[in-house]
């Protein structure tokens, strides 16, 4: 799926609305994760806290009636990219750390962890790390040959 500029703007706007609910100026007192629920048929992106209270919602027109079997796998990197783009405001939100952005399907089942906010840990995109074992094994093998 080629993501349109309009889709990226809609997701960015939703992320900024989330951040508005947890302004950086306030002391972090709330402990919650951010649950991004996407209804594939309706193209609706809805964001909830741990108590299933709605934070914001929007319709992503490009996703309406998308019947792809790998829909959630296709939108995961798009959502990660948008969260990463807004890293400064996301990491400054007044939520007790660590907290995560989690992608869920419309049945409330967790599909992917999109982003972890923590002062001490950094989660690297799993796609970047996919061949790490092979690379390390090759490096070790070359090192042992010498």
C-alpha atoms as a PDB file:
ATOM      1  CA  UNK A   1       0.000   0.000   0.000  1.00  0.00           C
ATOM      2  CA  UNK A   2       1.404   3.379  -0.979  1.00  0.00           C
ATOM      3  CA  UNK A   3       0.581   5.770   1.814  1.00  0.00           C
ATOM      4  CA  UNK A   4      -0.799   9.105   0.673  1.00  0.00           C
ATOM      5  CA  UNK A   5       0.307  12.443   2.072  1.00  0.00           C
ATOM      6  CA  UNK A   6      -3.251  12.983   3.304  1.00  0.00           C
ATOM      7  CA  UNK A   7      -3.079   9.743   5.330  1.00  0.00           C
ATOM      8  CA  UNK A   8       0.201  10.815   6.945  1.00  0.00           C
ATOM      9  CA  UNK A   9      -1.315  14.202   7.798  1.00  0.00           C
ATOM     10  CA  UNK A  10      -4.395  12.574   9.362  1.00  0.00           C
ATOM     11  CA  UNK A  11      -2.237  10.308  11.532  1.00  0.00           C
ATOM     12  CA  UNK A  12       0.052  13.211  12.517  1.00  0.00           C
ATOM     13  CA  UNK A  13      -2.997  15.240  13.531  1.00  0.00           C
ATOM     14  CA  UNK A  14      -4.257  12.339  15.683  1.00  0.00           C
ATOM     15  CA  UNK A  15      -0.867  12.045  17.407  1.00  0.00           C
ATOM     16  CA  UNK A  16      -0.848  15.775  18.165  1.00  0.00           C
ATOM     17  CA  UNK A  17      -4.376  15.477  19.603  1.00  0.00           C
ATOM     18  CA  UNK A  18      -3.163  12.677  21.881  1.00  0.00           C
ATOM     19  CA  UNK A  19      -0.307  14.889  23.074  1.00  0.00           C
ATOM     20  CA  UNK A  20      -2.764  17.726  23.767  1.00  0.00           C
ATOM     21  CA  UNK A  21      -4.581  15.452  26.244  1.00  0.00           C
ATOM     22  CA  UNK A  22      -1.298  14.941  28.122  1.00  0.00           C
ATOM     23  CA  UNK A  23       0.424  18.354  27.997  1.00  0.00           C
ATOM     24  CA  UNK A  24       4.143  18.393  28.752  1.00  0.00           C
ATOM     25  CA  UNK A  25       3.677  21.295  31.191  1.00  0.00           C
ATOM     26  CA  UNK A  26       1.690  19.116  33.603  1.00  0.00           C
ATOM     27  CA  UNK A  27       3.309  16.781  36.082  1.00  0.00           C
ATOM     28  CA  UNK A  28       3.191  13.153  34.967  1.00  0.00           C
ATOM     29  CA  UNK A  29       0.716  11.503  37.303  1.00  0.00           C
ATOM     30  CA  UNK A  30      -1.286   9.234  35.036  1.00  0.00           C
ATOM     31  CA  UNK A  31      -0.079   5.754  34.211  1.00  0.00           C
ATOM     32  CA  UNK A  32      -1.460   4.446  30.937  1.00  0.00           C
ATOM     33  CA  UNK A  33      -0.575   3.050  27.571  1.00  0.00           C
ATOM     34  CA  UNK A  34      -1.907   4.501  24.337  1.00  0.00           C
ATOM     35  CA  UNK A  35      -4.054   2.014  22.421  1.00  0.00           C
ATOM     36  CA  UNK A  36      -4.528   2.783  18.733  1.00  0.00           C
ATOM     37  CA  UNK A  37      -7.452   0.777  17.440  1.00  0.00           C
ATOM     38  CA  UNK A  38      -8.036   0.631  13.699  1.00  0.00           C
ATOM     39  CA  UNK A  39     -11.290  -0.645  12.208  1.00  0.00           C
ATOM     40  CA  UNK A  40     -10.252  -1.958   8.806  1.00  0.00           C
ATOM     41  CA  UNK A  41     -13.644  -1.763   7.085  1.00  0.00           C
ATOM     42  CA  UNK A  42     -14.466   1.769   8.217  1.00  0.00           C
ATOM     43  CA  UNK A  43     -10.943   3.190   8.109  1.00  0.00           C
ATOM     44  CA  UNK A  44     -11.493   4.529  11.602  1.00  0.00           C
ATOM     45  CA  UNK A  45      -8.497   5.144  13.835  1.00  0.00           C
ATOM     46  CA  UNK A  46      -9.551   5.512  17.459  1.00  0.00           C
ATOM     47  CA  UNK A  47      -7.198   6.087  20.385  1.00  0.00           C
ATOM     48  CA  UNK A  48      -7.899   4.894  23.935  1.00  0.00           C
ATOM     49  CA  UNK A  49      -6.198   4.855  27.307  1.00  0.00           C
ATOM     50  CA  UNK A  50      -5.919   1.750  29.518  1.00  0.00           C
ATOM     51  CA  UNK A  51      -9.413   2.362  30.916  1.00  0.00           C
ATOM     52  CA  UNK A  52     -10.845   2.175  27.378  1.00  0.00           C
ATOM     53  CA  UNK A  53     -11.675   5.885  27.482  1.00  0.00           C
ATOM     54  CA  UNK A  54     -11.531   7.490  24.064  1.00  0.00           C
ATOM     55  CA  UNK A  55      -8.807  10.093  23.586  1.00  0.00           C
ATOM     56  CA  UNK A  56      -9.372  10.931  19.920  1.00  0.00           C
ATOM     57  CA  UNK A  57     -10.569   9.485  16.632  1.00  0.00           C
ATOM     58  CA  UNK A  58     -10.305  10.130  12.932  1.00  0.00           C
ATOM     59  CA  UNK A  59     -11.212   8.514   9.644  1.00  0.00           C
ATOM     60  CA  UNK A  60      -8.350   7.605   7.328  1.00  0.00           C
ATOM     61  CA  UNK A  61     -10.029   7.643   3.937  1.00  0.00           C
ATOM     62  CA  UNK A  62      -7.303   5.575   2.293  1.00  0.00           C
ATOM     63  CA  UNK A  63      -8.035   2.719   4.712  1.00  0.00           C
ATOM     64  CA  UNK A  64     -11.821   2.588   4.173  1.00  0.00           C
ATOM     65  CA  UNK A  65     -12.919  -0.821   2.825  1.00  0.00           C
ATOM     66  CA  UNK A  66      -9.332  -2.036   2.638  1.00  0.00           C
ATOM     67  CA  UNK A  67      -9.749  -5.807   2.478  1.00  0.00           C
ATOM     68  CA  UNK A  68      -6.057  -6.725   2.418  1.00  0.00           C
ATOM     69  CA  UNK A  69      -5.227  -9.751   4.548  1.00  0.00           C
ATOM     70  CA  UNK A  70      -2.008  -8.071   5.640  1.00  0.00           C
ATOM     71  CA  UNK A  71      -3.634  -4.708   6.382  1.00  0.00           C
ATOM     72  CA  UNK A  72      -2.258  -4.421   9.927  1.00  0.00           C
ATOM     73  CA  UNK A  73       1.238  -5.419   8.815  1.00  0.00           C
ATOM     74  CA  UNK A  74       1.080  -2.684   6.163  1.00  0.00           C
ATOM     75  CA  UNK A  75      -0.098   0.095   8.479  1.00  0.00           C
ATOM     76  CA  UNK A  76       2.282  -0.746  11.349  1.00  0.00           C
ATOM     77  CA  UNK A  77       5.372   0.890   9.773  1.00  0.00           C
ATOM     78  CA  UNK A  78       3.265   3.895   8.718  1.00  0.00           C
ATOM     79  CA  UNK A  79       2.083   4.458  12.289  1.00  0.00           C
ATOM     80  CA  UNK A  80       5.622   3.946  13.640  1.00  0.00           C
ATOM     81  CA  UNK A  81       6.980   6.490  11.168  1.00  0.00           C
ATOM     82  CA  UNK A  82       4.396   9.080  12.225  1.00  0.00           C
ATOM     83  CA  UNK A  83       5.049   8.507  15.926  1.00  0.00           C
ATOM     84  CA  UNK A  84       8.805   8.720  15.345  1.00  0.00           C
ATOM     85  CA  UNK A  85       8.312  11.959  13.398  1.00  0.00           C
ATOM     86  CA  UNK A  86       6.518  13.384  16.455  1.00  0.00           C
ATOM     87  CA  UNK A  87       9.047  11.900  18.886  1.00  0.00           C
ATOM     88  CA  UNK A  88       9.661  15.143  20.775  1.00  0.00           C
ATOM     89  CA  UNK A  89       6.027  15.761  21.673  1.00  0.00           C
ATOM     90  CA  UNK A  90       5.340  12.049  22.266  1.00  0.00           C
ATOM     91  CA  UNK A  91       8.234  11.666  24.690  1.00  0.00           C
ATOM     92  CA  UNK A  92       7.256  14.879  26.462  1.00  0.00           C
ATOM     93  CA  UNK A  93       3.692  13.776  27.208  1.00  0.00           C
ATOM     94  CA  UNK A  94       2.720  13.900  30.883  1.00  0.00           C
ATOM     95  CA  UNK A  95       2.327  10.150  31.303  1.00  0.00           C
ATOM     96  CA  UNK A  96       4.407   8.167  33.782  1.00  0.00           C
ATOM     97  CA  UNK A  97       7.168   6.303  31.971  1.00  0.00           C
ATOM     98  CA  UNK A  98       7.487   3.708  30.642  1.00  0.00           C
ATOM     99  CA  UNK A  99       4.439   3.699  28.398  1.00  0.00           C
ATOM    100  CA  UNK A 100       3.722   2.256  24.978  1.00  0.00           C
ATOM    101  CA  UNK A 101       1.780   2.948  21.837  1.00  0.00           C
ATOM    102  CA  UNK A 102       0.019  -0.300  20.931  1.00  0.00           C
ATOM    103  CA  UNK A 103      -1.795  -1.100  17.682  1.00  0.00           C
ATOM    104  CA  UNK A 104      -5.003  -3.080  18.123  1.00  0.00           C
ATOM    105  CA  UNK A 105      -7.490  -4.485  15.648  1.00  0.00           C
ATOM    106  CA  UNK A 106     -11.203  -3.723  15.909  1.00  0.00           C
ATOM    107  CA  UNK A 107     -11.620  -6.743  18.226  1.00  0.00           C
ATOM    108  CA  UNK A 108      -9.316  -5.050  20.785  1.00  0.00           C
ATOM    109  CA  UNK A 109      -6.574  -7.616  20.148  1.00  0.00           C
ATOM    110  CA  UNK A 110      -3.011  -6.356  20.269  1.00  0.00           C
ATOM    111  CA  UNK A 111      -1.412  -6.480  16.818  1.00  0.00           C
ATOM    112  CA  UNK A 112       1.920  -4.707  17.394  1.00  0.00           C
ATOM    113  CA  UNK A 113       3.803  -2.558  19.868  1.00  0.00           C
ATOM    114  CA  UNK A 114       4.449   0.591  17.886  1.00  0.00           C
ATOM    115  CA  UNK A 115       6.613   2.664  20.185  1.00  0.00           C
ATOM    116  CA  UNK A 116       7.938   2.489  23.746  1.00  0.00           C
ATOM    117  CA  UNK A 117       8.588   5.680  25.664  1.00  0.00           C
ATOM    118  CA  UNK A 118      11.119   5.207  28.430  1.00  0.00           C
ATOM    119  CA  UNK A 119      14.017   7.267  29.728  1.00  0.00           C
ATOM    120  CA  UNK A 120      16.349   4.272  29.819  1.00  0.00           C
ATOM    121  CA  UNK A 121      15.243   1.959  27.006  1.00  0.00           C
ATOM    122  CA  UNK A 122      14.984   2.353  23.272  1.00  0.00           C
ATOM    123  CA  UNK A 123      13.030  -0.093  21.135  1.00  0.00           C
ATOM    124  CA  UNK A 124      14.449  -0.403  17.667  1.00  0.00           C
ATOM    125  CA  UNK A 125      12.123  -1.105  14.772  1.00  0.00           C
ATOM    126  CA  UNK A 126      12.066  -4.911  14.403  1.00  0.00           C
ATOM    127  CA  UNK A 127      12.433  -4.616  10.621  1.00  0.00           C
ATOM    128  CA  UNK A 128      15.839  -3.044  11.115  1.00  0.00           C
ATOM    129  CA  UNK A 129      16.873  -5.901  13.388  1.00  0.00           C
ATOM    130  CA  UNK A 130      15.510  -8.762  11.238  1.00  0.00           C
ATOM    131  CA  UNK A 131      18.899  -9.999   9.962  1.00  0.00           C
ATOM    132  CA  UNK A 132      20.920  -9.200  13.068  1.00  0.00           C
ATOM    133  CA  UNK A 133      21.463 -12.862  14.060  1.00  0.00           C
ATOM    134  CA  UNK A 134      22.834 -13.724  10.635  1.00  0.00           C
ATOM    135  CA  UNK A 135      25.112 -10.677  10.631  1.00  0.00           C
ATOM    136  CA  UNK A 136      26.446 -11.450  14.112  1.00  0.00           C
ATOM    137  CA  UNK A 137      27.038 -15.110  13.232  1.00  0.00           C
ATOM    138  CA  UNK A 138      28.934 -14.132  10.082  1.00  0.00           C
ATOM    139  CA  UNK A 139      30.997 -11.617  12.056  1.00  0.00           C
ATOM    140  CA  UNK A 140      31.834 -14.185  14.730  1.00  0.00           C
ATOM    141  CA  UNK A 141      32.735 -16.796  12.130  1.00  0.00           C
ATOM    142  CA  UNK A 142      35.079 -14.364  10.370  1.00  0.00           C
ATOM    143  CA  UNK A 143      36.610 -13.364  13.691  1.00  0.00           C
ATOM    144  CA  UNK A 144      37.254 -16.970  14.701  1.00  0.00           C
ATOM    145  CA  UNK A 145      38.911 -17.760  11.356  1.00  0.00           C
ATOM    146  CA  UNK A 146      41.718 -15.297  12.114  1.00  0.00           C
END
